[in-house]
Amino acid sequence: MTKKEMRKEAADRMRLLGLLDEKEQSVIRDFEEEHKVYVSRPRNLYASPMNQGVMVGVLYEWSDEERTLVEKVENQFQILVYHMIRNVTNVGILYAMLSVSSYEEEWPAERKALKGIKSDAANPLAYVWNAGLQEEEALDLSKGFGEWGSILIVEGEGGLCQIFPDYE
């Protein structure tokens, strides 16, 4: 599978997810032309993704640290990351990376996991990096650990929000 084919598939998934794609600003166009990955986060880095019942996942350009993390994960797993969702939790700063597999036969199942976002929520497989409990000003993404898992996401303000189950 070529990077060009994977990039086209990623752009199609970004449209399916409703990521910001307007004439003036398009994260999809930035991804297609420059492989720029945007990060969805709550408006306030330490706030919940919910703000009075309204999802507020806002898009930010990736930092150099985040770009380095994406490149490391892409090389390790032979994937193409097209979007990240960042959350500050009580177990650490989490980055959920949405990606396209280099195995085309996996694409239908990967796409299917995203389709519910318009009516309810999507449940894609993501690589989640836990940077641990660190101070924001001295964040070092080379520290931490990651694992694959299924996450729950909904649309935000141009971006995406990850929903965490309530286990109480």
C-alpha atoms as a PDB file:
ATOM      1  CA  MET A   1       0.000   0.000   0.000  1.00  0.00           C
ATOM      2  CA  THR A   2       1.410   3.402  -0.950  1.00  0.00           C
ATOM      3  CA  LYS A   3       1.434   6.474   1.312  1.00  0.00           C
ATOM      4  CA  LYS A   4      -0.564   8.319  -1.357  1.00  0.00           C
ATOM      5  CA  GLU A   5      -3.373   5.725  -1.212  1.00  0.00           C
ATOM      6  CA  MET A   6      -3.297   5.766   2.592  1.00  0.00           C
ATOM      7  CA  ARG A   7      -3.451   9.578   2.606  1.00  0.00           C
ATOM      8  CA  LYS A   8      -6.523   9.544   0.315  1.00  0.00           C
ATOM      9  CA  GLU A   9      -8.206   6.999   2.602  1.00  0.00           C
ATOM     10  CA  ALA A  10      -7.361   9.139   5.648  1.00  0.00           C
ATOM     11  CA  ALA A  11      -8.855  12.264   4.009  1.00  0.00           C
ATOM     12  CA  ASP A  12     -12.049  10.311   3.242  1.00  0.00           C
ATOM     13  CA  ARG A  13     -12.262   9.247   6.890  1.00  0.00           C
ATOM     14  CA  MET A  14     -11.721  12.817   8.057  1.00  0.00           C
ATOM     15  CA  ARG A  15     -14.699  13.886   5.927  1.00  0.00           C
ATOM     16  CA  LEU A  16     -16.745  11.014   7.345  1.00  0.00           C
ATOM     17  CA  LEU A  17     -15.913  12.235  10.862  1.00  0.00           C
ATOM     18  CA  GLY A  18     -16.944  15.798  10.032  1.00  0.00           C
ATOM     19  CA  LEU A  19     -13.577  17.394  10.713  1.00  0.00           C
ATOM     20  CA  LEU A  20     -13.297  21.075   9.780  1.00  0.00           C
ATOM     21  CA  ASP A  21     -13.346  21.448   6.000  1.00  0.00           C
ATOM     22  CA  GLU A  22     -14.243  24.984   4.967  1.00  0.00           C
ATOM     23  CA  LYS A  23     -12.963  27.138   2.138  1.00  0.00           C
ATOM     24  CA  GLU A  24     -11.075  29.460   4.519  1.00  0.00           C
ATOM     25  CA  GLN A  25      -9.666  26.699   6.703  1.00  0.00           C
ATOM     26  CA  SER A  26      -9.547  22.970   6.156  1.00  0.00           C
ATOM     27  CA  VAL A  27      -7.704  20.484   8.318  1.00  0.00           C
ATOM     28  CA  ILE A  28      -8.361  17.942   5.590  1.00  0.00           C
ATOM     29  CA  ARG A  29      -6.671  20.074   2.923  1.00  0.00           C
ATOM     30  CA  ASP A  30      -3.732  20.745   5.296  1.00  0.00           C
ATOM     31  CA  PHE A  31      -3.399  17.000   5.847  1.00  0.00           C
ATOM     32  CA  GLU A  32      -3.570  16.157   2.132  1.00  0.00           C
ATOM     33  CA  GLU A  33      -1.090  18.836   1.084  1.00  0.00           C
ATOM     34  CA  GLU A  34       1.353  18.906   4.013  1.00  0.00           C
ATOM     35  CA  HIS A  35       0.574  15.808   6.129  1.00  0.00           C
ATOM     36  CA  LYS A  36      -0.221  18.224   8.955  1.00  0.00           C
ATOM     37  CA  VAL A  37      -2.059  16.428  11.743  1.00  0.00           C
ATOM     38  CA  TYR A  38      -4.377  18.441  13.973  1.00  0.00           C
ATOM     39  CA  VAL A  39      -5.087  17.713  17.618  1.00  0.00           C
ATOM     40  CA  SER A  40      -8.567  17.926  19.157  1.00  0.00           C
ATOM     41  CA  ARG A  41      -8.597  19.054  22.773  1.00  0.00           C
ATOM     42  CA  PRO A  42     -10.997  20.609  25.215  1.00  0.00           C
ATOM     43  CA  ARG A  43     -10.970  24.408  24.982  1.00  0.00           C
ATOM     44  CA  ASN A  44      -9.451  24.548  28.473  1.00  0.00           C
ATOM     45  CA  LEU A  45      -6.650  21.969  28.702  1.00  0.00           C
ATOM     46  CA  TYR A  46      -7.719  20.975  32.209  1.00  0.00           C
ATOM     47  CA  ALA A  47     -11.466  20.993  31.544  1.00  0.00           C
ATOM     48  CA  SER A  48     -13.711  18.086  30.792  1.00  0.00           C
ATOM     49  CA  PRO A  49     -14.659  17.618  27.116  1.00  0.00           C
ATOM     50  CA  MET A  50     -18.207  18.450  28.244  1.00  0.00           C
ATOM     51  CA  ASN A  51     -19.089  22.081  28.903  1.00  0.00           C
ATOM     52  CA  GLN A  52     -22.669  22.437  30.135  1.00  0.00           C
ATOM     53  CA  GLY A  53     -23.697  19.496  27.959  1.00  0.00           C
ATOM     54  CA  VAL A  54     -22.034  20.844  24.787  1.00  0.00           C
ATOM     55  CA  MET A  55     -19.037  19.081  23.281  1.00  0.00           C
ATOM     56  CA  VAL A  56     -16.135  21.486  22.897  1.00  0.00           C
ATOM     57  CA  GLY A  57     -13.388  19.502  21.159  1.00  0.00           C
ATOM     58  CA  VAL A  58     -11.428  22.289  19.479  1.00  0.00           C
ATOM     59  CA  LEU A  59      -8.686  21.867  16.859  1.00  0.00           C
ATOM     60  CA  TYR A  60      -5.081  22.894  17.455  1.00  0.00           C
ATOM     61  CA  GLU A  61      -2.065  22.545  15.184  1.00  0.00           C
ATOM     62  CA  TRP A  62       0.296  19.868  16.361  1.00  0.00           C
ATOM     63  CA  SER A  63       3.416  20.805  18.305  1.00  0.00           C
ATOM     64  CA  ASP A  64       6.915  19.638  17.408  1.00  0.00           C
ATOM     65  CA  GLU A  65       6.723  17.131  20.303  1.00  0.00           C
ATOM     66  CA  GLU A  66       3.416  15.775  18.979  1.00  0.00           C
ATOM     67  CA  ARG A  67       4.806  15.532  15.436  1.00  0.00           C
ATOM     68  CA  THR A  68       7.777  13.519  16.725  1.00  0.00           C
ATOM     69  CA  LEU A  69       5.438  11.185  18.616  1.00  0.00           C
ATOM     70  CA  VAL A  70       3.284  10.638  15.502  1.00  0.00           C
ATOM     71  CA  GLU A  71       6.344   9.870  13.354  1.00  0.00           C
ATOM     72  CA  LYS A  72       7.585   7.356  15.936  1.00  0.00           C
ATOM     73  CA  VAL A  73       4.206   5.572  16.088  1.00  0.00           C
ATOM     74  CA  GLU A  74       3.773   5.598  12.290  1.00  0.00           C
ATOM     75  CA  ASN A  75       7.188   4.005  11.794  1.00  0.00           C
ATOM     76  CA  GLN A  76       6.685   1.444  14.549  1.00  0.00           C
ATOM     77  CA  PHE A  77       3.306   0.183  13.289  1.00  0.00           C
ATOM     78  CA  GLN A  78       3.441   1.038   9.547  1.00  0.00           C
ATOM     79  CA  ILE A  79       0.308   3.211   9.831  1.00  0.00           C
ATOM     80  CA  LEU A  80      -0.674   6.731   8.816  1.00  0.00           C
ATOM     81  CA  VAL A  81      -1.980   8.888  11.668  1.00  0.00           C
ATOM     82  CA  TYR A  82      -4.537  11.455  10.491  1.00  0.00           C
ATOM     83  CA  HIS A  83      -5.879  12.889  13.744  1.00  0.00           C
ATOM     84  CA  MET A  84      -5.113  12.988  17.466  1.00  0.00           C
ATOM     85  CA  ILE A  85      -7.382  13.570  20.445  1.00  0.00           C
ATOM     86  CA  ARG A  86      -5.655  14.877  23.571  1.00  0.00           C
ATOM     87  CA  ASN A  87      -7.107  14.529  27.056  1.00  0.00           C
ATOM     88  CA  VAL A  88      -5.765  15.401  30.472  1.00  0.00           C
ATOM     89  CA  THR A  89      -6.969  12.702  32.872  1.00  0.00           C
ATOM     90  CA  ASN A  90      -6.227  11.549  36.402  1.00  0.00           C
ATOM     91  CA  VAL A  91      -3.952   8.819  34.955  1.00  0.00           C
ATOM     92  CA  GLY A  92      -1.964  11.104  32.675  1.00  0.00           C
ATOM     93  CA  ILE A  93      -2.040  13.086  29.460  1.00  0.00           C
ATOM     94  CA  LEU A  94      -3.522  10.796  26.816  1.00  0.00           C
ATOM     95  CA  TYR A  95      -3.151  11.055  23.036  1.00  0.00           C
ATOM     96  CA  ALA A  96      -5.559   8.890  21.039  1.00  0.00           C
ATOM     97  CA  MET A  97      -4.237   8.547  17.477  1.00  0.00           C
ATOM     98  CA  LEU A  98      -6.648   7.730  14.660  1.00  0.00           C
ATOM     99  CA  SER A  99      -4.896   6.047  11.775  1.00  0.00           C
ATOM    100  CA  VAL A 100      -5.096   4.137   8.523  1.00  0.00           C
ATOM    101  CA  SER A 101      -3.592   0.669   8.462  1.00  0.00           C
ATOM    102  CA  SER A 102      -1.127  -0.231   5.733  1.00  0.00           C
ATOM    103  CA  TYR A 103      -3.281  -3.344   5.129  1.00  0.00           C
ATOM    104  CA  GLU A 104      -6.051  -2.370   2.719  1.00  0.00           C
ATOM    105  CA  GLU A 105      -8.129  -5.416   3.661  1.00  0.00           C
ATOM    106  CA  GLU A 106      -8.614  -3.823   7.126  1.00  0.00           C
ATOM    107  CA  TRP A 107     -10.040  -0.573   5.727  1.00  0.00           C
ATOM    108  CA  PRO A 108     -13.733  -1.606   5.464  1.00  0.00           C
ATOM    109  CA  ALA A 109     -13.840  -2.545   9.167  1.00  0.00           C
ATOM    110  CA  GLU A 110     -11.917   0.613  10.116  1.00  0.00           C
ATOM    111  CA  ARG A 111     -14.382   2.761   8.120  1.00  0.00           C
ATOM    112  CA  LYS A 112     -17.386   0.952   9.584  1.00  0.00           C
ATOM    113  CA  ALA A 113     -16.233   1.813  13.114  1.00  0.00           C
ATOM    114  CA  LEU A 114     -16.426   5.534  12.214  1.00  0.00           C
ATOM    115  CA  LYS A 115     -19.884   5.632  10.623  1.00  0.00           C
ATOM    116  CA  GLY A 116     -21.905   6.017  13.831  1.00  0.00           C
ATOM    117  CA  ILE A 117     -20.515   9.476  14.532  1.00  0.00           C
ATOM    118  CA  LYS A 118     -23.352  11.287  12.734  1.00  0.00           C
ATOM    119  CA  SER A 119     -26.130   9.620  14.720  1.00  0.00           C
ATOM    120  CA  ASP A 120     -24.461   8.842  18.036  1.00  0.00           C
ATOM    121  CA  ALA A 121     -20.785   8.039  18.473  1.00  0.00           C
ATOM    122  CA  ALA A 122     -17.991   6.263  16.633  1.00  0.00           C
ATOM    123  CA  ASN A 123     -15.938   3.439  18.098  1.00  0.00           C
ATOM    124  CA  PRO A 124     -12.616   3.284  16.218  1.00  0.00           C
ATOM    125  CA  LEU A 125      -9.473   1.408  17.077  1.00  0.00           C
ATOM    126  CA  ALA A 126      -6.799   3.896  18.144  1.00  0.00           C
ATOM    127  CA  TYR A 127      -3.270   3.866  19.447  1.00  0.00           C
ATOM    128  CA  VAL A 128      -3.339   5.677  22.783  1.00  0.00           C
ATOM    129  CA  TRP A 129      -0.142   7.164  24.200  1.00  0.00           C
ATOM    130  CA  ASN A 130      -0.079   7.922  27.931  1.00  0.00           C
ATOM    131  CA  ALA A 131       2.534  10.582  28.635  1.00  0.00           C
ATOM    132  CA  GLY A 132       1.939  10.154  32.370  1.00  0.00           C
ATOM    133  CA  LEU A 133       1.334  12.833  34.971  1.00  0.00           C
ATOM    134  CA  GLN A 134       3.563  15.684  33.843  1.00  0.00           C
ATOM    135  CA  GLU A 135       3.566  19.437  34.182  1.00  0.00           C
ATOM    136  CA  GLU A 136       2.191  21.087  31.039  1.00  0.00           C
ATOM    137  CA  GLU A 137       5.142  23.494  30.758  1.00  0.00           C
ATOM    138  CA  ALA A 138       7.687  20.650  30.785  1.00  0.00           C
ATOM    139  CA  LEU A 139       5.750  18.047  28.796  1.00  0.00           C
ATOM    140  CA  ASP A 140       8.046  15.354  27.392  1.00  0.00           C
ATOM    141  CA  LEU A 141       6.228  12.983  25.039  1.00  0.00           C
ATOM    142  CA  SER A 142       9.226  10.653  24.772  1.00  0.00           C
ATOM    143  CA  LYS A 143       8.269   9.444  28.250  1.00  0.00           C
ATOM    144  CA  GLY A 144       5.251   7.219  28.605  1.00  0.00           C
ATOM    145  CA  PHE A 145       3.721   4.137  27.075  1.00  0.00           C
ATOM    146  CA  GLY A 146       1.099   3.233  24.510  1.00  0.00           C
ATOM    147  CA  GLU A 147      -1.377   0.541  23.600  1.00  0.00           C
ATOM    148  CA  TRP A 148      -4.042  -0.225  21.017  1.00  0.00           C
ATOM    149  CA  GLY A 149      -7.671  -0.094  22.027  1.00  0.00           C
ATOM    150  CA  SER A 150     -11.171   0.806  20.990  1.00  0.00           C
ATOM    151  CA  ILE A 151     -12.244   4.344  21.960  1.00  0.00           C
ATOM    152  CA  LEU A 152     -15.542   6.211  21.862  1.00  0.00           C
ATOM    153  CA  ILE A 153     -15.642   9.557  20.019  1.00  0.00           C
ATOM    154  CA  VAL A 154     -18.209  12.208  19.088  1.00  0.00           C
ATOM    155  CA  GLU A 155     -18.085  15.381  17.004  1.00  0.00           C
ATOM    156  CA  GLY A 156     -16.936  18.611  18.652  1.00  0.00           C
ATOM    157  CA  GLU A 157     -16.461  22.178  17.391  1.00  0.00           C
ATOM    158  CA  GLY A 158     -14.719  21.224  14.150  1.00  0.00           C
ATOM    159  CA  GLY A 159     -12.764  18.539  15.967  1.00  0.00           C
ATOM    160  CA  LEU A 160     -13.495  15.388  17.955  1.00  0.00           C
ATOM    161  CA  CYS A 161     -14.075  14.539  21.610  1.00  0.00           C
ATOM    162  CA  GLN A 162     -13.269  11.257  23.298  1.00  0.00           C
ATOM    163  CA  ILE A 163     -15.897   9.971  25.710  1.00  0.00           C
ATOM    164  CA  PHE A 164     -14.734   8.024  28.741  1.00  0.00           C
ATOM    165  CA  PRO A 165     -17.103   5.421  30.231  1.00  0.00           C
ATOM    166  CA  ASP A 166     -18.399   6.123  33.729  1.00  0.00           C
ATOM    167  CA  TYR A 167     -17.460   3.100  35.820  1.00  0.00           C
ATOM    168  CA  GLU A 168     -19.099   4.291  39.057  1.00  0.00           C
END
